[in-house]
Each structure stands twice: as structure tokens, then as C-alpha cells.
Protein backbone atom coordinates (compact mmCIF):
# COMPACT_ATOMS: atom_id res chain seq x y z
CA MET A 1 -163.74 103.24 -82.05
CA ASP A 2 -165.19 103.99 -78.59
CA GLN A 3 -165.43 107.53 -77.25
CA PRO A 4 -162.23 108.15 -75.29
CA SER A 5 -162.34 109.57 -71.75
CA ASN A 6 -160.88 112.97 -70.90
CA LYS A 7 -157.94 111.20 -69.30
CA GLN A 8 -157.24 109.27 -72.47
CA ILE A 9 -157.63 112.37 -74.64
CA THR A 10 -155.19 114.38 -72.57
CA ALA A 11 -152.66 111.59 -71.94
CA ASN A 12 -150.38 112.87 -74.74
CA CYS A 13 -150.34 116.32 -73.12
CA GLU A 14 -148.91 115.08 -69.75
CA GLY A 15 -145.51 116.69 -69.15
CA LYS A 16 -145.66 118.65 -72.40
CA GLY A 17 -145.24 122.34 -73.25
CA ILE A 18 -148.45 123.65 -74.88
CA LEU A 19 -148.85 126.94 -76.66
CA ILE A 20 -152.31 128.40 -77.25
CA THR A 21 -152.54 131.42 -79.57
CA GLY A 22 -155.60 133.65 -79.20
CA GLY A 23 -155.17 132.96 -75.54
CA GLY A 24 -157.96 135.33 -74.49
CA GLY A 25 -160.59 133.80 -76.76
CA TYR A 26 -163.35 131.34 -75.97
CA LEU A 27 -161.75 128.39 -77.75
CA ALA A 28 -158.74 128.88 -75.45
CA HIS A 29 -161.12 129.28 -72.51
CA SER A 30 -162.75 125.86 -73.16
CA LEU A 31 -159.46 124.12 -73.90
CA LEU A 32 -157.95 125.38 -70.60
CA ASP A 33 -160.94 124.15 -68.69
CA ILE A 34 -159.82 120.63 -69.61
CA LEU A 35 -156.05 121.15 -69.58
CA LYS A 36 -156.06 122.70 -66.11
CA ASP A 37 -156.25 119.14 -64.67
CA VAL A 38 -153.29 117.93 -66.64
CA GLU A 39 -149.66 118.05 -65.42
CA CYS A 40 -148.35 120.27 -68.18
CA ARG A 41 -147.14 123.78 -68.96
CA VAL A 42 -149.52 125.92 -70.95
CA VAL A 43 -148.56 129.27 -72.48
CA ARG A 44 -151.41 131.56 -73.49
CA LEU A 45 -150.20 133.94 -76.22
CA GLY A 46 -152.16 137.10 -76.93
CA ARG A 47 -151.76 140.72 -77.83
CA SER A 48 -153.00 141.95 -74.49
CA LEU A 49 -152.78 140.90 -70.84
CA GLU A 50 -156.52 141.39 -70.69
CA ARG A 51 -157.67 137.81 -70.59
CA PRO A 52 -159.69 135.62 -68.20
CA THR A 53 -158.06 134.57 -64.95
CA PRO A 54 -156.54 131.15 -65.57
CA PRO A 55 -158.36 128.25 -63.92
CA LYS A 56 -156.69 126.58 -60.92
CA GLY A 57 -155.46 123.01 -61.29
CA ARG A 58 -152.42 120.87 -61.87
CA ALA A 59 -151.32 122.75 -65.06
CA GLN A 60 -148.78 125.56 -64.92
CA ILE A 61 -150.39 128.39 -66.97
CA ASP A 62 -148.19 131.24 -68.14
CA ASP A 63 -149.25 134.35 -70.13
CA LEU A 64 -147.18 135.74 -72.99
CA VAL A 65 -147.90 139.08 -74.67
CA GLY A 66 -147.08 139.20 -78.37
CA ASP A 67 -148.46 139.64 -81.84
CA VAL A 68 -148.52 136.45 -83.95
CA ARG A 69 -148.00 138.60 -87.08
CA GLU A 70 -144.40 139.14 -85.96
CA ARG A 71 -141.88 136.40 -86.61
CA ASN A 72 -139.75 137.19 -83.52
CA VAL A 73 -142.78 136.52 -81.32
CA TRP A 74 -142.89 132.87 -82.63
CA GLU A 75 -139.18 132.51 -82.06
CA SER A 76 -139.63 133.11 -78.35
CA ALA A 77 -143.11 131.55 -77.96
CA LEU A 78 -142.08 128.19 -79.40
CA GLU A 79 -139.24 127.58 -76.90
CA GLN A 80 -139.84 124.18 -75.21
CA ILE A 81 -143.27 123.79 -76.91
CA ASP A 82 -144.50 120.34 -77.95
CA VAL A 83 -148.05 121.21 -79.02
CA VAL A 84 -149.45 124.34 -80.66
CA PHE A 85 -153.15 125.12 -80.74
CA HIS A 86 -153.31 127.95 -83.22
CA PHE A 87 -156.56 129.88 -82.66
CA ALA A 88 -155.41 133.50 -83.21
CA GLY A 89 -156.62 135.37 -86.25
CA GLN A 90 -158.88 137.98 -87.74
CA THR A 91 -162.42 136.42 -87.84
CA SER A 92 -164.68 138.91 -89.67
CA VAL A 93 -165.64 138.16 -93.25
CA TYR A 94 -166.48 141.83 -93.75
CA ALA A 95 -163.20 143.18 -92.29
CA ALA A 96 -161.33 140.81 -94.64
CA ASN A 97 -163.21 142.20 -97.60
CA GLN A 98 -162.38 145.76 -96.62
CA ASP A 99 -158.65 145.09 -96.20
CA ALA A 100 -157.41 141.91 -97.82
CA VAL A 101 -153.74 142.64 -97.12
CA ALA A 102 -154.40 143.12 -93.41
CA ASP A 103 -156.37 139.87 -93.37
CA LEU A 104 -153.48 138.00 -95.17
CA ASN A 105 -151.13 139.35 -92.48
CA SER A 106 -153.48 138.15 -89.71
CA ASN A 107 -154.54 134.76 -91.07
CA VAL A 108 -151.77 133.53 -93.36
CA MET A 109 -148.48 135.05 -92.35
CA PRO A 110 -148.70 133.85 -88.69
CA MET A 111 -148.99 130.29 -89.96
CA LEU A 112 -145.96 130.78 -92.22
CA HIS A 113 -143.91 132.30 -89.40
CA LEU A 114 -144.92 129.43 -87.08
CA LEU A 115 -143.95 126.75 -89.65
CA ASP A 116 -140.72 128.39 -90.74
CA VAL A 117 -139.54 128.85 -87.17
CA CYS A 118 -140.23 125.15 -86.57
CA ARG A 119 -138.24 124.36 -89.72
CA VAL A 120 -135.29 126.39 -88.52
CA LYS A 121 -135.46 125.07 -84.98
CA ARG A 122 -136.15 121.45 -86.17
CA SER A 123 -138.56 121.19 -83.26
CA ASN A 124 -141.32 119.11 -84.93
CA PRO A 125 -144.27 120.06 -82.65
CA ILE A 126 -147.90 118.99 -83.16
CA VAL A 127 -149.82 121.95 -84.66
CA VAL A 128 -153.61 121.95 -84.47
CA PHE A 129 -155.23 124.80 -86.43
CA ALA A 130 -158.73 126.23 -86.08
CA GLY A 131 -160.19 126.38 -89.55
CA THR A 132 -163.79 126.97 -90.64
CA VAL A 133 -166.35 124.96 -92.55
CA THR A 134 -166.91 127.96 -94.83
CA GLU A 135 -163.49 127.34 -96.47
CA LEU A 136 -165.30 125.08 -98.96
CA GLY A 137 -167.64 127.88 -99.98
CA LEU A 138 -171.30 127.19 -100.71
CA PRO A 139 -172.09 123.50 -100.13
CA SER A 140 -173.53 121.62 -103.11
CA THR A 141 -175.19 119.07 -100.82
CA ILE A 142 -175.66 118.56 -97.09
CA PRO A 143 -174.49 117.04 -94.84
CA VAL A 144 -170.96 118.14 -95.76
CA ASN A 145 -167.86 115.98 -95.35
CA GLU A 146 -164.24 116.13 -96.54
CA SER A 147 -165.11 114.94 -100.09
CA GLN A 148 -166.59 118.20 -101.28
CA PRO A 149 -164.21 120.38 -103.32
CA ASP A 150 -163.14 123.79 -101.92
CA HIS A 151 -164.36 126.91 -103.65
CA PRO A 152 -164.06 129.70 -101.11
CA VAL A 153 -166.26 132.71 -101.91
CA THR A 154 -164.76 135.18 -99.39
CA ILE A 155 -161.31 136.64 -98.80
CA TYR A 156 -161.48 135.43 -95.22
CA ASP A 157 -162.10 131.81 -96.23
CA LEU A 158 -159.51 131.96 -99.02
CA HIS A 159 -156.90 132.98 -96.46
CA LYS A 160 -157.97 130.33 -93.96
CA LEU A 161 -157.66 127.72 -96.74
CA MET A 162 -154.21 129.06 -97.66
CA ALA A 163 -153.01 128.74 -94.04
CA GLU A 164 -154.43 125.20 -93.87
CA ARG A 165 -152.64 124.18 -97.03
CA TYR A 166 -149.37 125.54 -95.82
CA LEU A 167 -149.79 123.42 -92.70
CA VAL A 168 -150.47 120.31 -94.83
CA HIS A 169 -147.36 121.01 -96.90
CA PHE A 170 -145.05 121.44 -93.94
CA ALA A 171 -146.61 118.32 -92.29
CA ASN A 172 -145.93 116.32 -95.40
CA GLU A 173 -142.32 117.58 -95.33
CA GLY A 174 -141.96 116.42 -91.73
CA VAL A 175 -141.36 119.87 -90.32
CA VAL A 176 -144.39 119.55 -87.99
CA ARG A 177 -147.18 117.16 -87.39
CA GLY A 178 -150.29 119.14 -88.26
CA VAL A 179 -154.02 118.97 -88.58
CA THR A 180 -156.87 121.44 -89.21
CA LEU A 181 -160.31 121.25 -87.79
CA ARG A 182 -162.87 123.09 -89.88
CA LEU A 183 -165.35 124.22 -87.29
CA ALA A 184 -169.07 124.73 -87.71
CA ASN A 185 -170.93 127.41 -85.68
CA VAL A 186 -169.22 127.37 -82.25
CA TYR A 187 -171.03 128.71 -79.19
CA GLY A 188 -170.80 128.35 -75.45
CA PRO A 189 -169.39 130.01 -72.28
CA GLY A 190 -166.38 132.19 -72.49
CA PRO A 191 -165.17 135.66 -73.51
CA ARG A 192 -167.01 137.61 -76.17
CA SER A 193 -165.99 137.34 -79.77
CA SER A 194 -163.99 140.31 -81.09
CA SER A 195 -166.00 140.29 -84.32
CA ALA A 196 -169.63 141.39 -84.54
CA ASP A 197 -170.39 138.72 -87.20
CA ARG A 198 -169.09 135.86 -84.96
CA GLY A 199 -170.52 134.31 -81.82
CA VAL A 200 -174.05 135.34 -82.80
CA LEU A 201 -175.81 132.79 -80.63
CA ASN A 202 -173.83 133.87 -77.60
CA MET A 203 -174.65 137.51 -78.38
CA MET A 204 -178.36 136.73 -78.51
CA VAL A 205 -178.20 134.93 -75.18
CA ARG A 206 -176.75 138.08 -73.64
CA ARG A 207 -179.40 140.26 -75.32
CA ALA A 208 -182.20 138.03 -74.10
CA LEU A 209 -180.87 138.09 -70.54
CA ALA A 210 -180.84 141.86 -70.71
CA GLY A 211 -184.43 141.94 -71.90
CA GLN A 212 -183.47 143.17 -75.33
CA PRO A 213 -184.98 141.79 -78.57
CA ILE A 214 -183.44 138.78 -80.26
CA THR A 215 -182.92 139.72 -83.92
CA VAL A 216 -183.09 137.39 -86.92
CA TYR A 217 -182.06 138.51 -90.36
CA GLY A 218 -184.76 137.88 -92.94
CA ASP A 219 -186.85 134.73 -92.42
CA GLY A 220 -184.02 132.92 -90.62
CA ASN A 221 -184.57 129.70 -92.59
CA GLU A 222 -180.90 129.12 -93.33
CA MET A 223 -179.63 125.87 -91.75
CA ARG A 224 -176.68 125.84 -89.36
CA ASP A 225 -174.83 123.21 -87.25
CA TYR A 226 -174.26 124.66 -83.80
CA ILE A 227 -171.44 122.98 -81.81
CA PHE A 228 -170.67 123.54 -78.15
CA THR A 229 -167.23 124.81 -77.11
CA ALA A 230 -166.50 121.89 -74.78
CA ASP A 231 -167.07 119.46 -77.63
CA VAL A 232 -164.75 121.56 -79.81
CA ALA A 233 -162.07 121.53 -77.12
CA ASN A 234 -162.26 117.79 -76.89
CA ALA A 235 -161.96 117.57 -80.65
CA PHE A 236 -158.74 119.60 -80.61
CA LEU A 237 -157.30 117.41 -77.85
CA SER A 238 -158.37 114.29 -79.77
CA CYS A 239 -156.18 115.44 -82.66
CA VAL A 240 -153.14 115.22 -80.38
CA SER A 241 -154.02 111.91 -78.83
CA ALA A 242 -154.60 110.37 -82.27
CA ILE A 243 -151.95 112.30 -84.25
CA GLU A 244 -150.91 109.16 -86.17
CA ASN A 245 -154.40 109.16 -87.74
CA THR A 246 -154.84 112.93 -88.08
CA ASN A 247 -151.45 114.23 -89.23
CA GLY A 248 -151.46 116.08 -92.56
CA ARG A 249 -155.25 116.10 -92.82
CA TYR A 250 -158.32 118.36 -92.23
CA PHE A 251 -161.68 117.41 -90.78
CA VAL A 252 -165.15 118.81 -90.77
CA ILE A 253 -166.32 119.30 -87.18
CA GLY A 254 -169.96 119.64 -86.17
CA THR A 255 -172.80 117.76 -84.43
CA GLY A 256 -174.50 116.42 -87.54
CA GLN A 257 -177.71 118.10 -86.37
CA GLY A 258 -179.06 121.00 -88.33
CA HIS A 259 -181.18 123.84 -86.94
CA THR A 260 -182.49 126.88 -88.82
CA ILE A 261 -181.28 130.18 -87.45
CA LEU A 262 -184.93 130.93 -86.50
CA GLU A 263 -185.18 127.64 -84.55
CA ALA A 264 -181.96 128.31 -82.70
CA MET A 265 -182.91 131.86 -81.74
CA SER A 266 -186.42 130.76 -80.69
CA LEU A 267 -184.77 128.17 -78.47
CA VAL A 268 -182.62 130.90 -76.89
CA ALA A 269 -185.76 132.93 -76.10
CA GLU A 270 -187.51 129.83 -74.69
CA ARG A 271 -184.56 128.73 -72.43
CA VAL A 272 -183.89 132.28 -71.18
CA ALA A 273 -187.58 132.67 -70.31
CA PHE A 274 -187.45 129.28 -68.48
CA LYS A 275 -184.46 130.45 -66.40
CA THR A 276 -185.54 134.03 -65.74
CA GLY A 277 -189.27 134.22 -66.24
CA ILE A 278 -188.78 136.96 -68.84
CA ARG A 279 -189.26 136.14 -72.54
CA ALA A 280 -187.27 138.39 -74.89
CA PRO A 281 -189.16 139.35 -78.07
CA LEU A 282 -187.87 137.84 -81.30
CA ILE A 283 -187.98 140.20 -84.26
CA HIS A 284 -187.11 139.81 -87.96
CA VAL A 285 -185.02 142.54 -89.48
CA ALA A 286 -183.55 143.22 -92.89
CA PRO A 287 -179.90 142.09 -93.09
CA PRO A 288 -177.27 144.85 -93.46
CA GLN A 289 -176.14 145.45 -97.03
CA PRO A 290 -174.07 144.37 -98.77
CA GLN A 291 -174.40 140.87 -97.36
CA SER A 292 -171.83 138.16 -98.16
CA PRO A 293 -173.27 135.20 -100.12
CA ILE A 294 -171.78 132.87 -97.44
CA GLU A 295 -174.53 134.11 -95.10
CA ALA A 296 -177.20 132.47 -97.20
CA ARG A 297 -175.61 128.95 -97.05
CA ASN A 298 -177.24 125.88 -95.53
CA PHE A 299 -174.81 123.75 -93.57
CA VAL A 300 -174.83 120.48 -91.59
CA ALA A 301 -171.56 118.63 -90.83
CA ASP A 302 -170.80 115.03 -91.50
CA SER A 303 -167.93 114.35 -88.99
CA ASN A 304 -167.81 110.58 -89.45
CA LEU A 305 -164.23 110.62 -90.77
CA PHE A 306 -163.03 112.38 -87.62
CA VAL A 307 -165.11 110.06 -85.42
CA LYS A 308 -163.49 106.98 -87.08
CA SER A 309 -160.04 108.53 -86.87
CA THR A 310 -160.16 109.59 -83.22
CA GLY A 311 -163.24 108.15 -81.47
CA TRP A 312 -164.48 111.69 -80.72
CA GLN A 313 -168.16 112.50 -80.80
CA ALA A 314 -170.17 115.67 -80.13
CA ARG A 315 -172.03 115.15 -76.83
CA VAL A 316 -173.91 118.34 -76.06
CA ARG A 317 -177.28 118.98 -77.70
CA LEU A 318 -178.29 122.54 -78.55
CA ALA A 319 -180.80 123.04 -75.73
CA GLU A 320 -178.35 121.76 -73.13
CA GLY A 321 -175.54 123.94 -74.52
CA ILE A 322 -177.75 127.03 -74.55
CA ASP A 323 -178.67 126.28 -70.88
CA GLN A 324 -174.96 126.11 -69.98
CA THR A 325 -174.32 129.38 -71.85
CA ILE A 326 -177.13 131.06 -69.99
CA GLU A 327 -175.85 129.81 -66.62
CA ALA A 328 -172.40 131.09 -67.32
CA ALA A 329 -173.74 134.52 -68.32
CA LEU A 330 -175.99 135.01 -65.29
């Protein structure tokens, strides 16, 4: 299947009502950058009005303040909505470990509220959920595809997997049409992550631009798959355009290119130095304790199933994506 154009990817969004939860986050930021040129109505749902100014274009973009943990918020937010991009949630592994009930309320109950409101309303929207590749736990082999069994090793990943499986169940029941994208390490322009253990590459770009040291835990030899936000946004939209092939499933989303954490952070230092003439020092530090075992994983994605199902491909290489992240931060 050939790589579809942006116009083909967004064709199923024309004239639709689209709800984005986590409307102030950087996944929403990248998605809106594409949807702004589509004749549609987009509702950004978030707990605060403090979110980036919406981009100007053909889309009507409305902001709604509400907490996805509350069922009544879903009852109003889902009015005249055809597509839901569910990005909202608590994203820190360590916060989940400290308060499992709070994490359940943030990462599982919103999905259940969403699905049950759809059941009552009989609205049958497309629901695309932002999962994480760490749901499977510690990979036995790399690259990782959908064939590896799930053995989550953190509360956070257990709850993300629960939400994903609820979505599969309700999709199989015909209540919604739903798909989960398990995302590798996402980076790129946009608002800062609300969790200190997320968006690390973006954080190090900002540190390097400020002349502060770039820090690497330990030797930094753990392998990661870094995927650019614009590629992720296209993946979410591809789920909608190819919903016949994606409904009721989950997919592993990455570039298929592995880089050690040390390589990635060295590249940040190099590209910032090229842009500014100032090279930030790179220092190795001991990781904070206790450290989750998920931090020691090696991961590279095999996204061939998603490519075959939708035609999507990751386009942005790491150096190019870092350059775009630097430009946006200057």
C-alpha cells in the first residue's frame, strides 16, 4: 500500500465533529497542525483553559474545560462527535506506583466513561487511543511487533493495557469503532510534558539551548525508538481513514530505527551546537532510586502490520526531527 497524502488521510475527517482529549498536550498540538486545514469542527477538551492558541485554518476549533475522570463531562463532550482522539491521562510511571487508585481513575475510568456514554447514546464514533509500547513489559526480542505477549511490569502500563482492552471489547460489541496505537518515544515541537519522566529528549533540547548540561543516566546504552510528533499525528489520522482495517486492534508505532539514549543525547548536543555555536556539556549521572525496571529495557518497533493496514510510514529521521524541535524552541 502506497503512503497516502495528507488530503487522503484527512478525507474521513471532512465535515466531522472531532474531540481531542488532553487538548493542551503536544500530541493534540501536532494533530491540530494537520486538522487546521480540514473543514471540520474540533473540540479540545482539557482541565484548564491554559493551552496553546489554536492554529488558524479552515477548521472550527472550540475549547471545552472539563475533567475526563467525570462521567458528566463525557456526556456533554460527545455531543455531535464522530471521532475521538483520546490522549488525556496520567503519564508518570512513578506517580502511578505511588497512588495506584488515582492512576486507575486517570487512565482507566475515563475510557469506561467514554465507552459507556457511547453505549447509552448509541453514537458509534471512531475512538483512537494513545497507548504505549511499554504495555507489553520487557521485550524478549527486538524489534517488537504485535505478536509478543503482554506482561506489564508497572501499574501505569497495567492500567493503559486495561483501557486498551476495554476499547477492544466495546469495539467488538459494535458500541464504537476503536483502535489503540502503542507509541514508542515521542518527541517534537509542542507544549511541555506534565510528567518529569516523559518528553526527555525535548527537555534536553531546552536544557542545551539554555547552556545547561545534558544529563544521561548511567552509561546510556539502553536502546530506544524515537518517533517525531508529526509522524504520530499522521498515524492517528491514518487509523480513521483506514478504520475498516484498524477497528478492534492495536498497533506498535515507531520508526524501526533504534538509537541508544547516549547516541540521541549526543545528537541533541551536536545539533544545538550547529544551530547556536554553543555546545552543551553531556554528563553521566546516577539514576534516581528506586528506578523502575522498565527504564532498563531495549526497544525498537516493528510497525509493518500498521504500514500494511494503512499505508502509513514514519518519515522524519532523528536528526531532522531534533532540528525541527530546536527551531520551534528558539
